[in-house]
Each structure stands twice: as structure tokens, then as C-alpha cells.
Amino acid sequence: MDYPWLRRPAAEVPETAQTLLGWELSAGGVRIRLTEVEAYAGTGEDPASHAHRGPTPRTRVMFGPAGHAYTYFVFGVHWCLNVVCGGDGEAAAVLLRAGEVVAGSETARTRRGAVADRDLARGPARLVVALGITSDANGTSMIDGSGPLLLTPPTRPVDPALIVAGPRVGVAAAHDVPWRFWITGDPSVSPYRRHVPRRRRSGSPLPQSS
């Protein structure tokens, strides 16, 4: 399949992110309806983006092609999953923050434990666990069926009037940019937590810049 809207210019990544709401993502015997996403632009445009300073071995997948998966490890504990978007050679991605499990709930529960249905994929790390995704998904297509993930059009299109925008979660830079989008009233949407910088303990040396 080919979805041209995934190749919108990187500057239009907020529009791409909103389009993804209601789309369904399948992997590992589980299908999730996306209810919350977060947009990140690329080089020089978005200081919160991993690709802000240009391509690195870690971020080169963000420079295309669109429709591929970008995974990364956060806090040394959790994997997160993004859909790469933008024009050829442009870095942009949409973080998949939360969703409703619409098929394979028992399989998801074996991975997530005894949690309420709304919590099976309520948050970016939980979503990845529910789908059974690992780092092996990084760089694979999410749209042509060749990889472990498959992104498909919604069975229930989202009414644009139900889409809400707000600040992004857990980023130190540009945290007030309203590029997080969700379906209002959906119980699977994750709670908002503003980034809080760590306070230096008295007498501790200042961290060194890298």
C-alpha cells in the first residue's frame, strides 16, 4: 500500500499526526486503534526531535522512507515506536503514544498482565509491549506487509471535531509546542505529565556538556 499523506513535508508533521488518529496498527496477534500521537519535525526545526542536529546511526531511519518504523529505547527501560514521515531526505516522525486494543486483547494481556482494557496500550511503552514489538522492527515498513507491523485505514474514521491538541510529554525542549493530539474522551488516552527538570542536589557538581 502507498499512503501519500505520510510524505507531506516535515513542516506539516502535525497534520500527518492527526491523520493517524483512528488508524489501526497490527503486530504479534494484536490490533490497536490509535487514539493518541505526538509529532516531531526534523533538522533545525524542532529541538525536541532526535534528528534536530542531523542524521546519526541512531536517527538515520527518521530521514526516510516514510511509512517505516523508528524505535528507540528510553530511560534504559522502555521501547517506543514512531511512524517515519516527511518528504525524501527530510526527518520527521510521529510517536504512537496510546491506543485501544480492538483485537487480540487476551494476547495483549499475557504481555501486559492483569490490567484494565483501557490500560493495555495506554502509553507509548505499553503500546509497544502489547504489540510484542522489539528493536527488530526498527527501519521496517509499516505499510507494505513486509515487516512485523502493519498500519491500516480506520474502520471508524475519527470526527475532526473530537481531535484535541496539547503540549508534548516528557521532552526537555519545546515542551509547550501543542503537537500532541488525541481523541477527546477516549479512555485509552494517556495522562499528561509535563517535563520536570531534575534539580541539582546542594554541593553536587554541575553536569558537563557533551
N, C-alpha and C. Protein backbone atom coordinates (compact mmCIF):
# COMPACT_ATOMS: atom_id res chain seq x y z
N MET A 1 0.84 -1.20 0.00
CA MET A 1 0.00 0.00 0.00
C MET A 1 0.88 1.25 0.00
N ASP A 2 0.29 2.34 -0.51
CA ASP A 2 1.00 3.61 -0.54
C ASP A 2 0.08 4.68 0.01
N TYR A 3 0.55 5.42 1.00
CA TYR A 3 -0.23 6.49 1.61
C TYR A 3 0.52 7.80 1.43
N PRO A 4 0.23 8.55 0.35
CA PRO A 4 0.99 9.77 0.04
C PRO A 4 1.01 10.79 1.16
N TRP A 5 -0.03 10.81 1.99
CA TRP A 5 -0.06 11.81 3.06
C TRP A 5 1.07 11.62 4.08
N LEU A 6 1.64 10.41 4.13
CA LEU A 6 2.79 10.20 5.01
C LEU A 6 4.03 10.95 4.52
N ARG A 7 4.01 11.33 3.23
CA ARG A 7 5.15 12.03 2.65
C ARG A 7 4.96 13.54 2.60
N ARG A 8 4.00 14.06 3.36
CA ARG A 8 3.90 15.51 3.48
C ARG A 8 5.24 16.08 3.94
N PRO A 9 5.53 17.36 3.61
CA PRO A 9 6.77 17.96 4.11
C PRO A 9 6.88 17.87 5.62
N ALA A 10 8.09 17.82 6.11
CA ALA A 10 8.31 17.68 7.55
C ALA A 10 7.62 18.78 8.34
N ALA A 11 7.52 19.97 7.77
CA ALA A 11 6.87 21.07 8.47
C ALA A 11 5.38 20.81 8.69
N GLU A 12 4.82 19.86 7.96
CA GLU A 12 3.40 19.54 8.09
C GLU A 12 3.18 18.30 8.94
N VAL A 13 4.17 17.91 9.71
CA VAL A 13 4.04 16.70 10.53
C VAL A 13 2.87 16.78 11.52
N PRO A 14 2.45 17.95 12.03
CA PRO A 14 1.25 17.95 12.88
C PRO A 14 0.00 17.46 12.14
N GLU A 15 -0.13 17.83 10.87
CA GLU A 15 -1.28 17.36 10.09
C GLU A 15 -1.20 15.85 9.86
N THR A 16 0.02 15.36 9.60
CA THR A 16 0.20 13.92 9.42
C THR A 16 -0.18 13.18 10.70
N ALA A 17 0.25 13.71 11.84
CA ALA A 17 -0.06 13.06 13.12
C ALA A 17 -1.56 12.95 13.33
N GLN A 18 -2.28 14.01 13.03
CA GLN A 18 -3.73 13.97 13.23
C GLN A 18 -4.40 12.97 12.31
N THR A 19 -3.88 12.83 11.10
CA THR A 19 -4.43 11.86 10.16
C THR A 19 -4.31 10.44 10.70
N LEU A 20 -3.26 10.17 11.49
CA LEU A 20 -3.04 8.82 12.02
C LEU A 20 -4.05 8.41 13.09
N LEU A 21 -4.72 9.36 13.71
CA LEU A 21 -5.70 9.01 14.74
C LEU A 21 -6.83 8.19 14.13
N GLY A 22 -7.14 7.09 14.78
CA GLY A 22 -8.17 6.19 14.29
C GLY A 22 -7.64 5.08 13.40
N TRP A 23 -6.43 5.26 12.86
CA TRP A 23 -5.83 4.18 12.07
C TRP A 23 -5.50 3.01 12.98
N GLU A 24 -5.36 1.83 12.37
CA GLU A 24 -5.14 0.63 13.16
C GLU A 24 -3.77 0.04 12.88
N LEU A 25 -3.13 -0.43 13.94
CA LEU A 25 -1.78 -0.99 13.86
C LEU A 25 -1.81 -2.42 14.38
N SER A 26 -1.31 -3.34 13.58
CA SER A 26 -1.33 -4.76 13.94
C SER A 26 0.08 -5.32 14.04
N ALA A 27 0.28 -6.19 15.02
CA ALA A 27 1.53 -6.92 15.18
C ALA A 27 1.33 -7.97 16.26
N GLY A 28 2.01 -9.10 16.11
CA GLY A 28 2.02 -10.11 17.17
C GLY A 28 0.67 -10.59 17.61
N GLY A 29 -0.31 -10.64 16.68
CA GLY A 29 -1.64 -11.13 17.03
C GLY A 29 -2.52 -10.12 17.73
N VAL A 30 -2.10 -8.84 17.74
CA VAL A 30 -2.86 -7.77 18.41
C VAL A 30 -3.10 -6.64 17.41
N ARG A 31 -4.30 -6.05 17.46
CA ARG A 31 -4.60 -4.89 16.64
C ARG A 31 -5.04 -3.74 17.54
N ILE A 32 -4.44 -2.57 17.30
CA ILE A 32 -4.68 -1.40 18.13
C ILE A 32 -5.20 -0.25 17.29
N ARG A 33 -6.23 0.41 17.75
CA ARG A 33 -6.75 1.63 17.14
C ARG A 33 -6.06 2.81 17.81
N LEU A 34 -5.35 3.62 17.04
CA LEU A 34 -4.56 4.71 17.59
C LEU A 34 -5.46 5.84 18.10
N THR A 35 -5.24 6.23 19.35
CA THR A 35 -6.05 7.29 19.97
C THR A 35 -5.23 8.49 20.42
N GLU A 36 -3.90 8.36 20.43
CA GLU A 36 -3.04 9.47 20.87
C GLU A 36 -1.69 9.38 20.16
N VAL A 37 -1.26 10.49 19.60
CA VAL A 37 0.00 10.55 18.86
C VAL A 37 0.71 11.85 19.18
N GLU A 38 1.98 11.93 18.78
CA GLU A 38 2.79 13.11 19.09
C GLU A 38 3.75 13.36 17.93
N ALA A 39 3.78 14.58 17.42
CA ALA A 39 4.53 14.90 16.20
C ALA A 39 5.90 15.49 16.53
N TYR A 40 6.89 15.12 15.69
CA TYR A 40 8.25 15.64 15.80
C TYR A 40 8.78 15.95 14.40
N ALA A 41 9.20 17.18 14.20
CA ALA A 41 9.82 17.58 12.94
C ALA A 41 11.32 17.27 13.01
N GLY A 42 12.06 17.71 11.99
CA GLY A 42 13.44 17.26 11.91
C GLY A 42 14.48 18.34 12.04
N THR A 43 15.49 18.25 11.21
CA THR A 43 16.71 19.03 11.32
C THR A 43 16.43 20.53 11.43
N GLY A 44 16.93 21.14 12.51
CA GLY A 44 16.85 22.57 12.68
C GLY A 44 15.48 23.13 12.94
N GLU A 45 14.45 22.30 12.93
CA GLU A 45 13.09 22.79 13.06
C GLU A 45 12.48 22.53 14.43
N ASP A 46 12.94 21.50 15.08
CA ASP A 46 12.28 21.05 16.31
C ASP A 46 13.34 20.57 17.30
N PRO A 47 13.69 21.38 18.29
CA PRO A 47 14.75 20.98 19.22
C PRO A 47 14.41 19.76 20.07
N ALA A 48 13.15 19.34 20.08
CA ALA A 48 12.78 18.14 20.82
C ALA A 48 12.95 16.87 19.99
N SER A 49 13.23 17.03 18.70
CA SER A 49 13.36 15.88 17.82
C SER A 49 14.73 15.23 17.96
N HIS A 50 14.77 13.91 17.89
CA HIS A 50 16.06 13.20 17.92
C HIS A 50 16.93 13.58 16.73
N ALA A 51 16.30 14.02 15.63
CA ALA A 51 17.04 14.35 14.41
C ALA A 51 17.38 15.83 14.30
N HIS A 52 17.23 16.55 15.38
CA HIS A 52 17.41 18.01 15.36
C HIS A 52 18.78 18.43 14.83
N ARG A 53 19.81 17.67 15.17
CA ARG A 53 21.18 18.04 14.76
C ARG A 53 21.67 17.26 13.54
N GLY A 54 20.76 16.60 12.87
CA GLY A 54 21.15 15.88 11.67
C GLY A 54 21.20 14.38 11.88
N PRO A 55 21.49 13.64 10.81
CA PRO A 55 21.46 12.17 10.91
C PRO A 55 22.62 11.62 11.73
N THR A 56 22.33 10.57 12.48
CA THR A 56 23.31 9.80 13.23
C THR A 56 22.97 8.33 12.99
N PRO A 57 23.84 7.40 13.39
CA PRO A 57 23.48 5.99 13.23
C PRO A 57 22.13 5.65 13.85
N ARG A 58 21.80 6.33 14.95
CA ARG A 58 20.52 6.06 15.61
C ARG A 58 19.34 6.64 14.85
N THR A 59 19.50 7.84 14.30
CA THR A 59 18.35 8.57 13.74
C THR A 59 18.24 8.53 12.22
N ARG A 60 19.15 7.85 11.54
CA ARG A 60 19.10 7.92 10.08
C ARG A 60 17.80 7.37 9.52
N VAL A 61 17.15 6.45 10.23
CA VAL A 61 15.87 5.93 9.77
C VAL A 61 14.81 7.02 9.71
N MET A 62 14.96 8.09 10.52
CA MET A 62 13.98 9.18 10.51
C MET A 62 14.02 9.99 9.22
N PHE A 63 15.06 9.82 8.42
CA PHE A 63 15.20 10.58 7.18
C PHE A 63 14.57 9.85 5.99
N GLY A 64 13.82 8.81 6.26
CA GLY A 64 13.07 8.14 5.21
C GLY A 64 13.55 6.73 4.95
N PRO A 65 12.73 5.99 4.22
CA PRO A 65 11.47 6.42 3.61
C PRO A 65 10.31 6.50 4.60
N ALA A 66 9.32 7.29 4.20
CA ALA A 66 8.12 7.42 5.02
C ALA A 66 7.40 6.08 5.12
N GLY A 67 6.73 5.90 6.26
CA GLY A 67 5.99 4.66 6.48
C GLY A 67 6.79 3.57 7.15
N HIS A 68 8.05 3.86 7.48
CA HIS A 68 8.87 2.88 8.19
C HIS A 68 8.82 3.16 9.69
N ALA A 69 9.23 2.17 10.46
CA ALA A 69 9.20 2.27 11.92
C ALA A 69 10.51 2.83 12.44
N TYR A 70 10.41 3.71 13.41
CA TYR A 70 11.58 4.19 14.15
C TYR A 70 11.35 3.84 15.62
N THR A 71 12.17 2.96 16.15
CA THR A 71 12.07 2.58 17.55
C THR A 71 13.27 3.12 18.32
N TYR A 72 13.06 3.42 19.58
CA TYR A 72 14.18 3.84 20.42
C TYR A 72 13.92 3.44 21.87
N PHE A 73 15.01 3.31 22.60
CA PHE A 73 14.99 2.90 24.00
C PHE A 73 15.00 4.15 24.87
N VAL A 74 14.12 4.23 25.86
CA VAL A 74 14.03 5.43 26.69
C VAL A 74 14.20 5.05 28.15
N PHE A 75 14.97 5.87 28.86
CA PHE A 75 15.22 5.69 30.30
C PHE A 75 15.86 4.33 30.60
N GLY A 76 16.44 3.69 29.59
CA GLY A 76 17.07 2.41 29.80
C GLY A 76 16.11 1.30 30.16
N VAL A 77 14.80 1.53 29.91
CA VAL A 77 13.79 0.57 30.34
C VAL A 77 12.81 0.22 29.23
N HIS A 78 12.31 1.23 28.50
CA HIS A 78 11.18 1.03 27.60
C HIS A 78 11.53 1.31 26.14
N TRP A 79 10.86 0.57 25.24
CA TRP A 79 10.92 0.88 23.82
C TRP A 79 9.73 1.76 23.45
N CYS A 80 9.95 2.68 22.52
CA CYS A 80 8.88 3.50 21.97
C CYS A 80 8.88 3.34 20.45
N LEU A 81 7.71 3.57 19.84
CA LEU A 81 7.52 3.32 18.41
C LEU A 81 7.02 4.57 17.71
N ASN A 82 7.65 4.90 16.59
CA ASN A 82 7.26 6.04 15.77
C ASN A 82 7.01 5.60 14.33
N VAL A 83 6.16 6.34 13.64
CA VAL A 83 6.00 6.21 12.20
C VAL A 83 6.83 7.31 11.54
N VAL A 84 7.76 6.95 10.68
CA VAL A 84 8.55 7.93 9.93
C VAL A 84 7.66 8.57 8.88
N CYS A 85 7.78 9.88 8.72
CA CYS A 85 7.01 10.58 7.71
C CYS A 85 7.88 11.70 7.14
N GLY A 86 7.30 12.53 6.26
CA GLY A 86 8.07 13.60 5.63
C GLY A 86 8.52 13.23 4.23
N GLY A 87 8.99 14.24 3.50
CA GLY A 87 9.49 14.02 2.15
C GLY A 87 10.82 13.30 2.16
N ASP A 88 11.26 12.86 0.99
CA ASP A 88 12.53 12.14 0.87
C ASP A 88 13.67 12.98 1.43
N GLY A 89 14.43 12.39 2.35
CA GLY A 89 15.57 13.07 2.93
C GLY A 89 15.24 14.01 4.06
N GLU A 90 13.97 14.18 4.36
CA GLU A 90 13.55 15.02 5.49
C GLU A 90 13.32 14.14 6.71
N ALA A 91 13.66 14.67 7.87
CA ALA A 91 13.45 13.91 9.10
C ALA A 91 12.18 14.37 9.79
N ALA A 92 11.27 13.46 9.98
CA ALA A 92 10.06 13.71 10.75
C ALA A 92 9.50 12.37 11.19
N ALA A 93 8.81 12.37 12.31
CA ALA A 93 8.23 11.13 12.81
C ALA A 93 7.08 11.45 13.74
N VAL A 94 6.19 10.48 13.88
CA VAL A 94 5.06 10.60 14.79
C VAL A 94 5.16 9.48 15.82
N LEU A 95 5.27 9.87 17.08
CA LEU A 95 5.31 8.91 18.18
C LEU A 95 3.90 8.39 18.42
N LEU A 96 3.76 7.08 18.48
CA LEU A 96 2.47 6.45 18.76
C LEU A 96 2.34 6.31 20.27
N ARG A 97 1.53 7.18 20.86
CA ARG A 97 1.50 7.28 22.32
C ARG A 97 0.51 6.33 22.98
N ALA A 98 -0.63 6.08 22.34
CA ALA A 98 -1.63 5.25 23.01
C ALA A 98 -2.66 4.76 22.00
N GLY A 99 -3.37 3.71 22.41
CA GLY A 99 -4.41 3.17 21.54
C GLY A 99 -5.33 2.24 22.28
N GLU A 100 -6.41 1.89 21.61
CA GLU A 100 -7.40 0.95 22.12
C GLU A 100 -7.16 -0.40 21.45
N VAL A 101 -7.01 -1.45 22.24
CA VAL A 101 -6.86 -2.79 21.68
C VAL A 101 -8.23 -3.23 21.16
N VAL A 102 -8.33 -3.45 19.85
CA VAL A 102 -9.60 -3.83 19.24
C VAL A 102 -9.63 -5.29 18.81
N ALA A 103 -8.50 -5.96 18.86
CA ALA A 103 -8.44 -7.39 18.58
C ALA A 103 -7.20 -7.96 19.25
N GLY A 104 -7.34 -9.18 19.77
CA GLY A 104 -6.20 -9.82 20.44
C GLY A 104 -5.98 -9.36 21.85
N SER A 105 -7.05 -8.98 22.54
CA SER A 105 -6.88 -8.44 23.89
C SER A 105 -6.28 -9.46 24.86
N GLU A 106 -6.63 -10.73 24.70
CA GLU A 106 -6.07 -11.73 25.61
C GLU A 106 -4.58 -11.92 25.37
N THR A 107 -4.17 -11.85 24.10
CA THR A 107 -2.74 -11.91 23.80
C THR A 107 -2.02 -10.72 24.39
N ALA A 108 -2.62 -9.52 24.24
CA ALA A 108 -2.03 -8.31 24.83
C ALA A 108 -1.93 -8.43 26.34
N ARG A 109 -2.92 -9.06 26.94
CA ARG A 109 -2.93 -9.16 28.41
C ARG A 109 -1.85 -10.13 28.90
N THR A 110 -1.52 -11.14 28.11
CA THR A 110 -0.43 -12.02 28.52
C THR A 110 0.89 -11.27 28.56
N ARG A 111 1.01 -10.21 27.76
CA ARG A 111 2.23 -9.41 27.74
C ARG A 111 2.19 -8.29 28.77
N ARG A 112 1.00 -7.78 29.06
CA ARG A 112 0.87 -6.60 29.92
C ARG A 112 0.47 -6.95 31.34
N GLY A 113 -0.07 -8.15 31.55
CA GLY A 113 -0.50 -8.52 32.88
C GLY A 113 -1.98 -8.23 33.09
N ALA A 114 -2.41 -8.40 34.32
CA ALA A 114 -3.83 -8.26 34.65
C ALA A 114 -4.17 -6.78 34.83
N VAL A 115 -4.38 -6.10 33.71
CA VAL A 115 -4.72 -4.69 33.74
C VAL A 115 -6.07 -4.48 33.07
N ALA A 116 -6.67 -3.31 33.33
CA ALA A 116 -7.94 -2.98 32.69
C ALA A 116 -7.76 -2.85 31.18
N ASP A 117 -8.83 -3.07 30.44
CA ASP A 117 -8.75 -2.98 28.98
C ASP A 117 -8.19 -1.64 28.53
N ARG A 118 -8.59 -0.56 29.17
CA ARG A 118 -8.15 0.77 28.73
C ARG A 118 -6.65 0.96 28.92
N ASP A 119 -6.04 0.16 29.80
CA ASP A 119 -4.61 0.31 30.11
C ASP A 119 -3.71 -0.60 29.30
N LEU A 120 -4.26 -1.43 28.45
CA LEU A 120 -3.44 -2.38 27.70
C LEU A 120 -2.42 -1.68 26.81
N ALA A 121 -2.81 -0.57 26.20
CA ALA A 121 -1.89 0.17 25.32
C ALA A 121 -1.97 1.66 25.61
N ARG A 122 -2.15 2.01 26.88
CA ARG A 122 -2.34 3.39 27.31
C ARG A 122 -1.00 4.01 27.70
N GLY A 123 -0.25 4.43 26.69
CA GLY A 123 1.09 4.98 26.89
C GLY A 123 2.02 4.36 25.87
N PRO A 124 3.07 5.08 25.45
CA PRO A 124 3.91 4.59 24.36
C PRO A 124 4.64 3.28 24.66
N ALA A 125 5.12 3.11 25.89
CA ALA A 125 5.81 1.86 26.23
C ALA A 125 4.82 0.70 26.32
N ARG A 126 3.65 0.95 26.88
CA ARG A 126 2.64 -0.09 27.00
C ARG A 126 2.16 -0.54 25.62
N LEU A 127 2.02 0.40 24.71
CA LEU A 127 1.60 0.08 23.35
C LEU A 127 2.58 -0.89 22.70
N VAL A 128 3.88 -0.62 22.86
CA VAL A 128 4.90 -1.49 22.27
C VAL A 128 4.85 -2.88 22.90
N VAL A 129 4.70 -2.94 24.21
CA VAL A 129 4.64 -4.24 24.88
C VAL A 129 3.41 -5.02 24.43
N ALA A 130 2.28 -4.35 24.34
CA ALA A 130 1.04 -5.03 23.93
C ALA A 130 1.18 -5.64 22.55
N LEU A 131 1.90 -4.97 21.66
CA LEU A 131 2.10 -5.46 20.29
C LEU A 131 3.20 -6.51 20.19
N GLY A 132 4.00 -6.65 21.24
CA GLY A 132 5.10 -7.61 21.21
C GLY A 132 6.25 -7.18 20.32
N ILE A 133 6.44 -5.86 20.20
CA ILE A 133 7.46 -5.32 19.31
C ILE A 133 8.81 -5.22 20.02
N THR A 134 9.89 -5.47 19.28
CA THR A 134 11.25 -5.31 19.78
C THR A 134 12.01 -4.37 18.86
N SER A 135 13.27 -4.19 19.14
CA SER A 135 14.11 -3.33 18.31
C SER A 135 14.23 -3.86 16.88
N ASP A 136 13.91 -5.13 16.65
CA ASP A 136 13.98 -5.70 15.31
C ASP A 136 13.04 -5.00 14.33
N ALA A 137 12.03 -4.29 14.86
CA ALA A 137 11.09 -3.58 13.99
C ALA A 137 11.69 -2.30 13.42
N ASN A 138 12.76 -1.82 14.01
CA ASN A 138 13.33 -0.54 13.58
C ASN A 138 13.73 -0.59 12.10
N GLY A 139 13.26 0.40 11.34
CA GLY A 139 13.61 0.51 9.94
C GLY A 139 12.78 -0.34 9.00
N THR A 140 11.83 -1.11 9.52
CA THR A 140 11.00 -1.94 8.67
C THR A 140 9.76 -1.18 8.23
N SER A 141 9.19 -1.59 7.10
CA SER A 141 7.98 -0.94 6.59
C SER A 141 6.79 -1.28 7.47
N MET A 142 5.95 -0.26 7.70
CA MET A 142 4.71 -0.46 8.44
C MET A 142 3.51 -0.47 7.51
N ILE A 143 3.74 -0.36 6.20
CA ILE A 143 2.61 -0.20 5.28
C ILE A 143 2.54 -1.24 4.16
N ASP A 144 3.61 -1.97 3.91
CA ASP A 144 3.56 -2.90 2.77
C ASP A 144 3.47 -4.37 3.18
N GLY A 145 3.41 -4.65 4.48
CA GLY A 145 3.27 -6.02 4.94
C GLY A 145 4.56 -6.81 5.03
N SER A 146 5.69 -6.17 4.74
CA SER A 146 6.96 -6.90 4.76
C SER A 146 7.59 -6.96 6.14
N GLY A 147 7.13 -6.13 7.05
CA GLY A 147 7.69 -6.10 8.40
C GLY A 147 6.73 -6.65 9.43
N PRO A 148 7.10 -6.59 10.70
CA PRO A 148 6.24 -7.15 11.75
C PRO A 148 5.02 -6.29 12.05
N LEU A 149 5.01 -5.03 11.60
CA LEU A 149 3.92 -4.10 11.87
C LEU A 149 3.14 -3.83 10.59
N LEU A 150 1.83 -3.60 10.74
CA LEU A 150 1.02 -3.24 9.59
C LEU A 150 0.04 -2.15 9.99
N LEU A 151 0.14 -1.01 9.32
CA LEU A 151 -0.72 0.15 9.55
C LEU A 151 -1.82 0.14 8.49
N THR A 152 -3.08 0.21 8.92
CA THR A 152 -4.21 0.12 8.00
C THR A 152 -5.23 1.22 8.28
N PRO A 153 -6.02 1.57 7.25
CA PRO A 153 -7.01 2.64 7.41
C PRO A 153 -8.03 2.31 8.50
N PRO A 154 -8.64 3.34 9.06
CA PRO A 154 -9.56 3.12 10.18
C PRO A 154 -10.87 2.47 9.75
N THR A 155 -11.39 1.61 10.61
CA THR A 155 -12.74 1.09 10.40
C THR A 155 -13.76 2.09 10.94
N ARG A 156 -13.31 2.95 11.86
CA ARG A 156 -14.18 4.02 12.40
C ARG A 156 -13.44 5.34 12.25
N PRO A 157 -13.65 6.07 11.15
CA PRO A 157 -12.96 7.35 10.98
C PRO A 157 -13.26 8.30 12.14
N VAL A 158 -12.27 9.07 12.51
CA VAL A 158 -12.41 10.00 13.64
C VAL A 158 -13.03 11.31 13.16
N ASP A 159 -14.03 11.76 13.87
CA ASP A 159 -14.62 13.08 13.61
C ASP A 159 -13.59 14.14 13.97
N PRO A 160 -13.19 15.01 13.02
CA PRO A 160 -12.17 16.03 13.33
C PRO A 160 -12.53 16.88 14.54
N ALA A 161 -13.81 17.02 14.83
CA ALA A 161 -14.22 17.82 15.98
C ALA A 161 -13.81 17.19 17.30
N LEU A 162 -13.47 15.89 17.28
CA LEU A 162 -13.08 15.18 18.50
C LEU A 162 -11.57 15.19 18.73
N ILE A 163 -10.81 15.76 17.80
CA ILE A 163 -9.35 15.77 17.93
C ILE A 163 -8.91 17.00 18.72
N VAL A 164 -8.14 16.77 19.77
CA VAL A 164 -7.66 17.82 20.66
C VAL A 164 -6.14 17.89 20.57
N ALA A 165 -5.60 19.11 20.69
CA ALA A 165 -4.15 19.31 20.68
C ALA A 165 -3.68 19.82 22.02
N GLY A 166 -2.45 19.44 22.40
CA GLY A 166 -1.88 19.90 23.65
C GLY A 166 -0.37 19.74 23.64
N PRO A 167 0.31 20.14 24.72
CA PRO A 167 1.77 20.06 24.78
C PRO A 167 2.26 18.62 24.79
N ARG A 168 3.49 18.45 24.31
CA ARG A 168 4.09 17.13 24.27
C ARG A 168 4.54 16.69 25.67
N VAL A 169 4.78 15.40 25.81
CA VAL A 169 5.05 14.80 27.12
C VAL A 169 6.52 14.43 27.25
N GLY A 170 7.12 14.79 28.40
CA GLY A 170 8.44 14.26 28.74
C GLY A 170 9.60 14.77 27.93
N VAL A 171 9.44 15.92 27.23
CA VAL A 171 10.56 16.47 26.46
C VAL A 171 11.10 17.70 27.18
N ALA A 172 12.41 17.87 27.16
CA ALA A 172 13.04 18.99 27.85
C ALA A 172 12.99 20.27 27.03
N ALA A 173 12.97 20.14 25.70
CA ALA A 173 12.96 21.30 24.81
C ALA A 173 11.63 21.38 24.09
N ALA A 174 11.16 22.61 23.88
CA ALA A 174 9.92 22.84 23.13
C ALA A 174 8.76 22.03 23.70
N HIS A 175 8.70 21.91 25.03
CA HIS A 175 7.67 21.07 25.63
C HIS A 175 6.29 21.69 25.58
N ASP A 176 6.20 23.00 25.31
CA ASP A 176 4.89 23.64 25.23
C ASP A 176 4.33 23.67 23.82
N VAL A 177 5.07 23.15 22.85
CA VAL A 177 4.57 23.09 21.48
C VAL A 177 3.38 22.12 21.44
N PRO A 178 2.21 22.55 20.97
CA PRO A 178 1.00 21.71 21.04
C PRO A 178 0.92 20.69 19.92
N TRP A 179 1.87 19.78 19.90
CA TRP A 179 1.94 18.78 18.84
C TRP A 179 1.61 17.39 19.34
N ARG A 180 0.94 17.30 20.47
CA ARG A 180 0.35 16.03 20.90
C ARG A 180 -1.13 16.10 20.56
N PHE A 181 -1.64 15.03 19.96
CA PHE A 181 -3.03 15.02 19.50
C PHE A 181 -3.71 13.76 20.00
N TRP A 182 -4.95 13.89 20.42
CA TRP A 182 -5.68 12.74 20.92
C TRP A 182 -7.17 12.87 20.65
N ILE A 183 -7.86 11.75 20.80
CA ILE A 183 -9.31 11.71 20.63
C ILE A 183 -9.94 12.01 21.98
N THR A 184 -10.60 13.14 22.07
CA THR A 184 -11.14 13.56 23.36
C THR A 184 -12.15 12.55 23.89
N GLY A 185 -12.05 12.30 25.19
CA GLY A 185 -12.98 11.40 25.85
C GLY A 185 -12.65 9.93 25.73
N ASP A 186 -11.64 9.57 24.94
CA ASP A 186 -11.30 8.15 24.80
C ASP A 186 -10.54 7.69 26.04
N PRO A 187 -10.98 6.63 26.69
CA PRO A 187 -10.35 6.20 27.95
C PRO A 187 -8.93 5.66 27.79
N SER A 188 -8.53 5.31 26.55
CA SER A 188 -7.18 4.76 26.36
C SER A 188 -6.11 5.84 26.23
N VAL A 189 -6.49 7.11 26.17
CA VAL A 189 -5.52 8.20 26.07
C VAL A 189 -4.74 8.30 27.38
N SER A 190 -3.43 8.49 27.27
CA SER A 190 -2.58 8.50 28.47
C SER A 190 -2.70 9.83 29.21
N PRO A 191 -2.44 9.83 30.52
CA PRO A 191 -2.48 11.08 31.29
C PRO A 191 -1.30 11.98 30.93
N TYR A 192 -1.54 13.29 30.98
CA TYR A 192 -0.48 14.25 30.65
C TYR A 192 0.44 14.47 31.85
N ARG A 193 1.76 14.41 31.59
CA ARG A 193 2.75 14.72 32.61
C ARG A 193 3.78 15.67 32.00
N ARG A 194 3.81 16.89 32.48
CA ARG A 194 4.76 17.87 31.98
C ARG A 194 6.18 17.49 32.40
N HIS A 195 7.15 17.79 31.52
CA HIS A 195 8.55 17.51 31.85
C HIS A 195 8.98 18.38 33.03
N VAL A 196 9.61 17.77 34.00
CA VAL A 196 10.15 18.50 35.16
C VAL A 196 11.65 18.26 35.22
N PRO A 197 12.47 19.30 35.00
CA PRO A 197 13.93 19.11 35.05
C PRO A 197 14.38 18.61 36.41
N ARG A 198 15.39 17.76 36.41
CA ARG A 198 15.94 17.28 37.67
C ARG A 198 16.67 18.41 38.39
N ARG A 199 16.43 18.54 39.67
CA ARG A 199 17.09 19.57 40.47
C ARG A 199 18.43 19.05 40.96
N ARG A 200 19.43 19.92 40.87
CA ARG A 200 20.77 19.55 41.32
C ARG A 200 20.82 19.60 42.84
N ARG A 201 21.34 18.52 43.42
CA ARG A 201 21.48 18.50 44.89
C ARG A 201 22.57 19.47 45.32
N SER A 202 22.39 20.05 46.49
CA SER A 202 23.35 21.02 47.02
C SER A 202 24.73 20.37 47.14
N GLY A 203 25.72 21.06 46.59
CA GLY A 203 27.09 20.58 46.65
C GLY A 203 27.49 19.65 45.52
N SER A 204 26.50 19.25 44.69
CA SER A 204 26.81 18.37 43.57
C SER A 204 27.39 19.18 42.42
N PRO A 205 28.32 18.64 41.68
CA PRO A 205 28.88 19.37 40.56
C PRO A 205 27.87 19.50 39.44
N LEU A 206 27.97 20.57 38.68
CA LEU A 206 27.12 20.75 37.52
C LEU A 206 27.46 19.72 36.46
N PRO A 207 26.44 19.21 35.74
CA PRO A 207 26.74 18.24 34.68
C PRO A 207 27.55 18.86 33.57
N GLN A 208 28.41 18.08 32.95
CA GLN A 208 29.23 18.57 31.87
C GLN A 208 28.51 18.42 30.54
N SER A 209 28.66 19.42 29.68
CA SER A 209 28.03 19.34 28.38
C SER A 209 28.77 18.33 27.52
N SER A 210 28.00 17.72 26.59
CA SER A 210 28.61 16.72 25.73
C SER A 210 29.12 17.32 24.44
